[in-house]
Amino acid sequence: MLPRIKDVKALKDYELLLTFDNGEVKSFDVSPYLEKGNFRELKEPNVFYSVKPCLGSIQWSNGLDLCPDTLYMDSAPLNNE
């Protein structure tokens, strides 16, 4: 099983700062999703910045979420440890 989300912070330019339960901190770019279905709603700053950790993943106030495995595999490490 891949690591799960412990904490999340929304940053400018539709980036998320993700802290995983194994201690890794990574950056995830949400912008590629913004033209797909309900993810268009995340263009609204109040919705995008509402993101919170939820059951090992993340969820926005409108109920949208992303798979924790996708978040881990497609995010970029913040340093080269």
PDB file of N, CA and C in Angstrom:
ATOM      1  N   MET A   1       0.841  -1.182   0.000  1.00  0.00           N
ATOM      2  CA  MET A   1       0.000   0.000   0.000  1.00  0.00           C
ATOM      3  C   MET A   1       0.888   1.248   0.000  1.00  0.00           C
ATOM      4  N   LEU A   2       0.555   2.178  -0.837  1.00  0.00           N
ATOM      5  CA  LEU A   2       1.304   3.437  -0.911  1.00  0.00           C
ATOM      6  C   LEU A   2       0.953   4.334   0.272  1.00  0.00           C
ATOM      7  N   PRO A   3       1.823   5.285   0.597  1.00  0.00           N
ATOM      8  CA  PRO A   3       1.547   6.209   1.703  1.00  0.00           C
ATOM      9  C   PRO A   3       0.249   6.991   1.491  1.00  0.00           C
ATOM     10  N   ARG A   4      -0.334   7.392   2.578  1.00  0.00           N
ATOM     11  CA  ARG A   4      -1.570   8.159   2.568  1.00  0.00           C
ATOM     12  C   ARG A   4      -1.322   9.592   3.030  1.00  0.00           C
ATOM     13  N   ILE A   5      -2.257  10.461   2.705  1.00  0.00           N
ATOM     14  CA  ILE A   5      -2.146  11.884   3.023  1.00  0.00           C
ATOM     15  C   ILE A   5      -2.370  12.115   4.517  1.00  0.00           C
ATOM     16  N   LYS A   6      -1.449  12.852   5.100  1.00  0.00           N
ATOM     17  CA  LYS A   6      -1.562  13.256   6.501  1.00  0.00           C
ATOM     18  C   LYS A   6      -2.007  14.716   6.597  1.00  0.00           C
ATOM     19  N   ASP A   7      -1.508  15.537   5.643  1.00  0.00           N
ATOM     20  CA  ASP A   7      -1.855  16.959   5.642  1.00  0.00           C
ATOM     21  C   ASP A   7      -1.781  17.486   4.209  1.00  0.00           C
ATOM     22  N   VAL A   8      -2.553  18.521   3.934  1.00  0.00           N
ATOM     23  CA  VAL A   8      -2.557  19.142   2.610  1.00  0.00           C
ATOM     24  C   VAL A   8      -2.716  20.653   2.775  1.00  0.00           C
ATOM     25  N   LYS A   9      -2.036  21.386   1.915  1.00  0.00           N
ATOM     26  CA  LYS A   9      -2.163  22.842   1.888  1.00  0.00           C
ATOM     27  C   LYS A   9      -2.267  23.276   0.438  1.00  0.00           C
ATOM     28  N   ALA A  10      -3.284  24.075   0.127  1.00  0.00           N
ATOM     29  CA  ALA A  10      -3.446  24.623  -1.218  1.00  0.00           C
ATOM     30  C   ALA A  10      -2.507  25.814  -1.393  1.00  0.00           C
ATOM     31  N   LEU A  11      -1.793  25.813  -2.506  1.00  0.00           N
ATOM     32  CA  LEU A  11      -0.861  26.887  -2.837  1.00  0.00           C
ATOM     33  C   LEU A  11      -1.335  27.608  -4.089  1.00  0.00           C
ATOM     34  N   LYS A  12      -0.659  28.691  -4.443  1.00  0.00           N
ATOM     35  CA  LYS A  12      -1.011  29.413  -5.661  1.00  0.00           C
ATOM     36  C   LYS A  12      -0.772  28.538  -6.893  1.00  0.00           C
ATOM     37  N   ASP A  13      -1.332  28.931  -8.009  1.00  0.00           N
ATOM     38  CA  ASP A  13      -1.167  28.244  -9.292  1.00  0.00           C
ATOM     39  C   ASP A  13      -1.646  26.797  -9.258  1.00  0.00           C
ATOM     40  N   TYR A  14      -2.660  26.531  -8.444  1.00  0.00           N
ATOM     41  CA  TYR A  14      -3.301  25.206  -8.377  1.00  0.00           C
ATOM     42  C   TYR A  14      -2.330  24.092  -8.000  1.00  0.00           C
ATOM     43  N   GLU A  15      -1.446  24.404  -7.077  1.00  0.00           N
ATOM     44  CA  GLU A  15      -0.519  23.412  -6.530  1.00  0.00           C
ATOM     45  C   GLU A  15      -0.990  23.020  -5.131  1.00  0.00           C
ATOM     46  N   LEU A  16      -0.762  21.770  -4.778  1.00  0.00           N
ATOM     47  CA  LEU A  16      -1.031  21.284  -3.433  1.00  0.00           C
ATOM     48  C   LEU A  16       0.278  20.843  -2.793  1.00  0.00           C
ATOM     49  N   LEU A  17       0.463  21.209  -1.554  1.00  0.00           N
ATOM     50  CA  LEU A  17       1.585  20.734  -0.763  1.00  0.00           C
ATOM     51  C   LEU A  17       1.056  19.567   0.064  1.00  0.00           C
ATOM     52  N   LEU A  18       1.574  18.383  -0.196  1.00  0.00           N
ATOM     53  CA  LEU A  18       1.081  17.167   0.423  1.00  0.00           C
ATOM     54  C   LEU A  18       2.104  16.612   1.408  1.00  0.00           C
ATOM     55  N   THR A  19       1.644  16.277   2.595  1.00  0.00           N
ATOM     56  CA  THR A  19       2.475  15.585   3.572  1.00  0.00           C
ATOM     57  C   THR A  19       1.890  14.186   3.735  1.00  0.00           C
ATOM     58  N   PHE A  20       2.741  13.192   3.504  1.00  0.00           N
ATOM     59  CA  PHE A  20       2.302  11.800   3.567  1.00  0.00           C
ATOM     60  C   PHE A  20       2.638  11.192   4.920  1.00  0.00           C
ATOM     61  N   ASP A  21       1.953  10.098   5.254  1.00  0.00           N
ATOM     62  CA  ASP A  21       2.150   9.473   6.559  1.00  0.00           C
ATOM     63  C   ASP A  21       3.514   8.802   6.716  1.00  0.00           C
ATOM     64  N   ASN A  22       4.297   8.731   5.655  1.00  0.00           N
ATOM     65  CA  ASN A  22       5.667   8.208   5.761  1.00  0.00           C
ATOM     66  C   ASN A  22       6.691   9.338   5.929  1.00  0.00           C
ATOM     67  N   GLY A  23       6.198  10.586   6.068  1.00  0.00           N
ATOM     68  CA  GLY A  23       7.063  11.739   6.275  1.00  0.00           C
ATOM     69  C   GLY A  23       7.445  12.484   5.013  1.00  0.00           C
ATOM     70  N   GLU A  24       7.165  11.916   3.839  1.00  0.00           N
ATOM     71  CA  GLU A  24       7.502  12.610   2.589  1.00  0.00           C
ATOM     72  C   GLU A  24       6.595  13.827   2.402  1.00  0.00           C
ATOM     73  N   VAL A  25       7.178  14.872   1.832  1.00  0.00           N
ATOM     74  CA  VAL A  25       6.441  16.079   1.468  1.00  0.00           C
ATOM     75  C   VAL A  25       6.627  16.273  -0.029  1.00  0.00           C
ATOM     76  N   LYS A  26       5.503  16.409  -0.736  1.00  0.00           N
ATOM     77  CA  LYS A  26       5.541  16.509  -2.191  1.00  0.00           C
ATOM     78  C   LYS A  26       4.583  17.593  -2.676  1.00  0.00           C
ATOM     79  N   SER A  27       4.770  17.965  -3.924  1.00  0.00           N
ATOM     80  CA  SER A  27       3.916  18.958  -4.574  1.00  0.00           C
ATOM     81  C   SER A  27       3.114  18.273  -5.679  1.00  0.00           C
ATOM     82  N   PHE A  28       1.822  18.588  -5.743  1.00  0.00           N
ATOM     83  CA  PHE A  28       0.942  18.013  -6.766  1.00  0.00           C
ATOM     84  C   PHE A  28       0.293  19.141  -7.544  1.00  0.00           C
ATOM     85  N   ASP A  29       0.392  19.086  -8.862  1.00  0.00           N
ATOM     86  CA  ASP A  29      -0.183  20.099  -9.752  1.00  0.00           C
ATOM     87  C   ASP A  29      -1.595  19.679 -10.155  1.00  0.00           C
ATOM     88  N   VAL A  30      -2.584  20.435  -9.732  1.00  0.00           N
ATOM     89  CA  VAL A  30      -3.985  20.132 -10.033  1.00  0.00           C
ATOM     90  C   VAL A  30      -4.400  20.691 -11.390  1.00  0.00           C
ATOM     91  N   SER A  31      -3.634  21.621 -11.956  1.00  0.00           N
ATOM     92  CA  SER A  31      -4.056  22.321 -13.178  1.00  0.00           C
ATOM     93  C   SER A  31      -4.424  21.406 -14.351  1.00  0.00           C
ATOM     94  N   PRO A  32      -3.791  20.242 -14.550  1.00  0.00           N
ATOM     95  CA  PRO A  32      -4.215  19.392 -15.667  1.00  0.00           C
ATOM     96  C   PRO A  32      -5.654  18.858 -15.536  1.00  0.00           C
ATOM     97  N   TYR A  33      -6.205  18.900 -14.343  1.00  0.00           N
ATOM     98  CA  TYR A  33      -7.560  18.392 -14.106  1.00  0.00           C
ATOM     99  C   TYR A  33      -8.636  19.454 -14.289  1.00  0.00           C
ATOM    100  N   LEU A  34      -8.246  20.729 -14.373  1.00  0.00           N
ATOM    101  CA  LEU A  34      -9.204  21.834 -14.298  1.00  0.00           C
ATOM    102  C   LEU A  34     -10.154  21.957 -15.481  1.00  0.00           C
ATOM    103  N   GLU A  35      -9.920  21.248 -16.546  1.00  0.00           N
ATOM    104  CA  GLU A  35     -10.824  21.280 -17.703  1.00  0.00           C
ATOM    105  C   GLU A  35     -11.629  19.991 -17.825  1.00  0.00           C
ATOM    106  N   LYS A  36     -11.597  19.166 -16.788  1.00  0.00           N
ATOM    107  CA  LYS A  36     -12.258  17.866 -16.826  1.00  0.00           C
ATOM    108  C   LYS A  36     -13.456  17.833 -15.884  1.00  0.00           C
ATOM    109  N   GLY A  37     -14.640  17.670 -16.440  1.00  0.00           N
ATOM    110  CA  GLY A  37     -15.854  17.449 -15.653  1.00  0.00           C
ATOM    111  C   GLY A  37     -16.020  18.395 -14.480  1.00  0.00           C
ATOM    112  N   ASN A  38     -16.360  17.807 -13.339  1.00  0.00           N
ATOM    113  CA  ASN A  38     -16.618  18.602 -12.138  1.00  0.00           C
ATOM    114  C   ASN A  38     -15.375  19.296 -11.589  1.00  0.00           C
ATOM    115  N   PHE A  39     -14.192  18.872 -12.031  1.00  0.00           N
ATOM    116  CA  PHE A  39     -12.966  19.514 -11.552  1.00  0.00           C
ATOM    117  C   PHE A  39     -12.884  20.968 -12.005  1.00  0.00           C
ATOM    118  N   ARG A  40     -13.697  21.368 -12.971  1.00  0.00           N
ATOM    119  CA  ARG A  40     -13.744  22.785 -13.380  1.00  0.00           C
ATOM    120  C   ARG A  40     -14.100  23.682 -12.201  1.00  0.00           C
ATOM    121  N   GLU A  41     -14.866  23.129 -11.263  1.00  0.00           N
ATOM    122  CA  GLU A  41     -15.279  23.897 -10.080  1.00  0.00           C
ATOM    123  C   GLU A  41     -14.080  24.352  -9.251  1.00  0.00           C
ATOM    124  N   LEU A  42     -12.952  23.656  -9.374  1.00  0.00           N
ATOM    125  CA  LEU A  42     -11.764  24.013  -8.596  1.00  0.00           C
ATOM    126  C   LEU A  42     -11.115  25.301  -9.085  1.00  0.00           C
ATOM    127  N   LYS A  43     -11.538  25.818 -10.239  1.00  0.00           N
ATOM    128  CA  LYS A  43     -11.025  27.110 -10.710  1.00  0.00           C
ATOM    129  C   LYS A  43     -11.479  28.234  -9.777  1.00  0.00           C
ATOM    130  N   GLU A  44     -12.569  28.011  -9.061  1.00  0.00           N
ATOM    131  CA  GLU A  44     -13.067  28.984  -8.089  1.00  0.00           C
ATOM    132  C   GLU A  44     -12.160  28.931  -6.857  1.00  0.00           C
ATOM    133  N   PRO A  45     -11.453  30.033  -6.553  1.00  0.00           N
ATOM    134  CA  PRO A  45     -10.496  30.003  -5.444  1.00  0.00           C
ATOM    135  C   PRO A  45     -11.082  29.514  -4.116  1.00  0.00           C
ATOM    136  N   ASN A  46     -12.314  29.919  -3.801  1.00  0.00           N
ATOM    137  CA  ASN A  46     -12.904  29.488  -2.534  1.00  0.00           C
ATOM    138  C   ASN A  46     -13.047  27.971  -2.460  1.00  0.00           C
ATOM    139  N   VAL A  47     -13.295  27.344  -3.580  1.00  0.00           N
ATOM    140  CA  VAL A  47     -13.405  25.887  -3.609  1.00  0.00           C
ATOM    141  C   VAL A  47     -12.011  25.264  -3.551  1.00  0.00           C
ATOM    142  N   PHE A  48     -11.100  25.740  -4.388  1.00  0.00           N
ATOM    143  CA  PHE A  48      -9.757  25.159  -4.418  1.00  0.00           C
ATOM    144  C   PHE A  48      -9.085  25.217  -3.045  1.00  0.00           C
ATOM    145  N   TYR A  49      -9.179  26.351  -2.379  1.00  0.00           N
ATOM    146  CA  TYR A  49      -8.510  26.521  -1.085  1.00  0.00           C
ATOM    147  C   TYR A  49      -9.239  25.829   0.069  1.00  0.00           C
ATOM    148  N   SER A  50     -10.361  25.198  -0.194  1.00  0.00           N
ATOM    149  CA  SER A  50     -11.107  24.486   0.851  1.00  0.00           C
ATOM    150  C   SER A  50     -10.607  23.059   1.068  1.00  0.00           C
ATOM    151  N   VAL A  51      -9.587  22.625   0.349  1.00  0.00           N
ATOM    152  CA  VAL A  51      -9.104  21.246   0.419  1.00  0.00           C
ATOM    153  C   VAL A  51      -8.646  20.879   1.832  1.00  0.00           C
ATOM    154  N   LYS A  52      -8.989  19.640   2.223  1.00  0.00           N
ATOM    155  CA  LYS A  52      -8.618  19.119   3.537  1.00  0.00           C
ATOM    156  C   LYS A  52      -8.272  17.644   3.407  1.00  0.00           C
ATOM    157  N   PRO A  53      -7.473  17.122   4.339  1.00  0.00           N
ATOM    158  CA  PRO A  53      -7.235  15.673   4.345  1.00  0.00           C
ATOM    159  C   PRO A  53      -8.542  14.951   4.669  1.00  0.00           C
ATOM    160  N   CYS A  54      -8.724  13.783   4.081  1.00  0.00           N
ATOM    161  CA  CYS A  54      -9.942  13.016   4.322  1.00  0.00           C
ATOM    162  C   CYS A  54      -9.662  11.534   4.106  1.00  0.00           C
ATOM    163  N   LEU A  55      -9.679  10.757   5.159  1.00  0.00           N
ATOM    164  CA  LEU A  55      -9.545   9.299   5.087  1.00  0.00           C
ATOM    165  C   LEU A  55      -8.328   8.852   4.270  1.00  0.00           C
ATOM    166  N   GLY A  56      -7.204   9.502   4.487  1.00  0.00           N
ATOM    167  CA  GLY A  56      -5.976   9.133   3.801  1.00  0.00           C
ATOM    168  C   GLY A  56      -5.805   9.761   2.440  1.00  0.00           C
ATOM    169  N   SER A  57      -6.761  10.554   2.020  1.00  0.00           N
ATOM    170  CA  SER A  57      -6.671  11.264   0.750  1.00  0.00           C
ATOM    171  C   SER A  57      -6.983  12.732   1.010  1.00  0.00           C
ATOM    172  N   ILE A  58      -7.559  13.407   0.014  1.00  0.00           N
ATOM    173  CA  ILE A  58      -7.968  14.799   0.166  1.00  0.00           C
ATOM    174  C   ILE A  58      -9.385  14.953  -0.357  1.00  0.00           C
ATOM    175  N   GLN A  59     -10.056  16.011   0.088  1.00  0.00           N
ATOM    176  CA  GLN A  59     -11.400  16.301  -0.397  1.00  0.00           C
ATOM    177  C   GLN A  59     -11.630  17.806  -0.324  1.00  0.00           C
ATOM    178  N   TRP A  60     -12.334  18.317  -1.320  1.00  0.00           N
ATOM    179  CA  TRP A  60     -12.719  19.719  -1.344  1.00  0.00           C
ATOM    180  C   TRP A  60     -14.130  19.872  -0.798  1.00  0.00           C
ATOM    181  N   SER A  61     -14.522  21.104  -0.501  1.00  0.00           N
ATOM    182  CA  SER A  61     -15.835  21.387   0.098  1.00  0.00           C
ATOM    183  C   SER A  61     -16.996  20.972  -0.803  1.00  0.00           C
ATOM    184  N   ASN A  62     -16.747  20.863  -2.105  1.00  0.00           N
ATOM    185  CA  ASN A  62     -17.814  20.452  -3.025  1.00  0.00           C
ATOM    186  C   ASN A  62     -17.892  18.933  -3.177  1.00  0.00           C
ATOM    187  N   GLY A  63     -17.086  18.190  -2.404  1.00  0.00           N
ATOM    188  CA  GLY A  63     -17.130  16.731  -2.430  1.00  0.00           C
ATOM    189  C   GLY A  63     -16.143  16.075  -3.379  1.00  0.00           C
ATOM    190  N   LEU A  64     -15.473  16.850  -4.219  1.00  0.00           N
ATOM    191  CA  LEU A  64     -14.473  16.274  -5.128  1.00  0.00           C
ATOM    192  C   LEU A  64     -13.297  15.737  -4.335  1.00  0.00           C
ATOM    193  N   ASP A  65     -12.722  14.652  -4.849  1.00  0.00           N
ATOM    194  CA  ASP A  65     -11.543  14.089  -4.223  1.00  0.00           C
ATOM    195  C   ASP A  65     -10.632  13.511  -5.301  1.00  0.00           C
ATOM    196  N   LEU A  66      -9.453  13.102  -4.891  1.00  0.00           N
ATOM    197  CA  LEU A  66      -8.505  12.434  -5.790  1.00  0.00           C
ATOM    198  C   LEU A  66      -7.994  11.183  -5.099  1.00  0.00           C
ATOM    199  N   CYS A  67      -7.680  10.184  -5.886  1.00  0.00           N
ATOM    200  CA  CYS A  67      -7.161   8.927  -5.380  1.00  0.00           C
ATOM    201  C   CYS A  67      -5.823   9.165  -4.673  1.00  0.00           C
ATOM    202  N   PRO A  68      -5.645   8.639  -3.457  1.00  0.00           N
ATOM    203  CA  PRO A  68      -4.377   8.856  -2.768  1.00  0.00           C
ATOM    204  C   PRO A  68      -3.188   8.243  -3.501  1.00  0.00           C
ATOM    205  N   ASP A  69      -3.389   7.164  -4.234  1.00  0.00           N
ATOM    206  CA  ASP A  69      -2.293   6.574  -5.007  1.00  0.00           C
ATOM    207  C   ASP A  69      -1.860   7.512  -6.135  1.00  0.00           C
ATOM    208  N   THR A  70      -2.830   8.137  -6.800  1.00  0.00           N
ATOM    209  CA  THR A  70      -2.529   9.115  -7.846  1.00  0.00           C
ATOM    210  C   THR A  70      -1.759  10.289  -7.249  1.00  0.00           C
ATOM    211  N   LEU A  71      -2.212  10.761  -6.113  1.00  0.00           N
ATOM    212  CA  LEU A  71      -1.536  11.884  -5.467  1.00  0.00           C
ATOM    213  C   LEU A  71      -0.085  11.542  -5.151  1.00  0.00           C
ATOM    214  N   TYR A  72       0.155  10.337  -4.697  1.00  0.00           N
ATOM    215  CA  TYR A  72       1.521   9.947  -4.349  1.00  0.00           C
ATOM    216  C   TYR A  72       2.388   9.739  -5.595  1.00  0.00           C
ATOM    217  N   MET A  73       1.874   8.984  -6.555  1.00  0.00           N
ATOM    218  CA  MET A  73       2.679   8.632  -7.725  1.00  0.00           C
ATOM    219  C   MET A  73       2.916   9.804  -8.667  1.00  0.00           C
ATOM    220  N   ASP A  74       1.963  10.736  -8.761  1.00  0.00           N
ATOM    221  CA  ASP A  74       2.072  11.846  -9.697  1.00  0.00           C
ATOM    222  C   ASP A  74       2.542  13.146  -9.063  1.00  0.00           C
ATOM    223  N   SER A  75       2.946  13.108  -7.816  1.00  0.00           N
ATOM    224  CA  SER A  75       3.435  14.321  -7.168  1.00  0.00           C
ATOM    225  C   SER A  75       4.971  14.360  -7.248  1.00  0.00           C
ATOM    226  N   ALA A  76       5.482  15.558  -7.086  1.00  0.00           N
ATOM    227  CA  ALA A  76       6.935  15.767  -7.198  1.00  0.00           C
ATOM    228  C   ALA A  76       7.537  15.997  -5.823  1.00  0.00           C
ATOM    229  N   PRO A  77       8.615  15.286  -5.514  1.00  0.00           N
ATOM    230  CA  PRO A  77       9.310  15.527  -4.234  1.00  0.00           C
ATOM    231  C   PRO A  77       9.815  16.949  -4.170  1.00  0.00           C
ATOM    232  N   LEU A  78       9.827  17.511  -2.978  1.00  0.00           N
ATOM    233  CA  LEU A  78      10.309  18.877  -2.817  1.00  0.00           C
ATOM    234  C   LEU A  78      11.816  18.957  -2.703  1.00  0.00           C
ATOM    235  N   ASN A  79      12.459  17.833  -2.420  1.00  0.00           N
ATOM    236  CA  ASN A  79      13.920  17.813  -2.374  1.00  0.00           C
ATOM    237  C   ASN A  79      14.394  16.437  -2.773  1.00  0.00           C
ATOM    238  N   ASN A  80      15.691  16.273  -2.941  1.00  0.00           N
ATOM    239  CA  ASN A  80      16.269  15.006  -3.421  1.00  0.00           C
ATOM    240  C   ASN A  80      16.875  14.210  -2.270  1.00  0.00           C
ATOM    241  N   GLU A  81      16.041  13.865  -1.305  1.00  0.00           N
ATOM    242  CA  GLU A  81      16.556  13.063  -0.181  1.00  0.00           C
ATOM    243  C   GLU A  81      16.772  11.643  -0.603  1.00  0.00           C
TER     244      GLU A  81
END
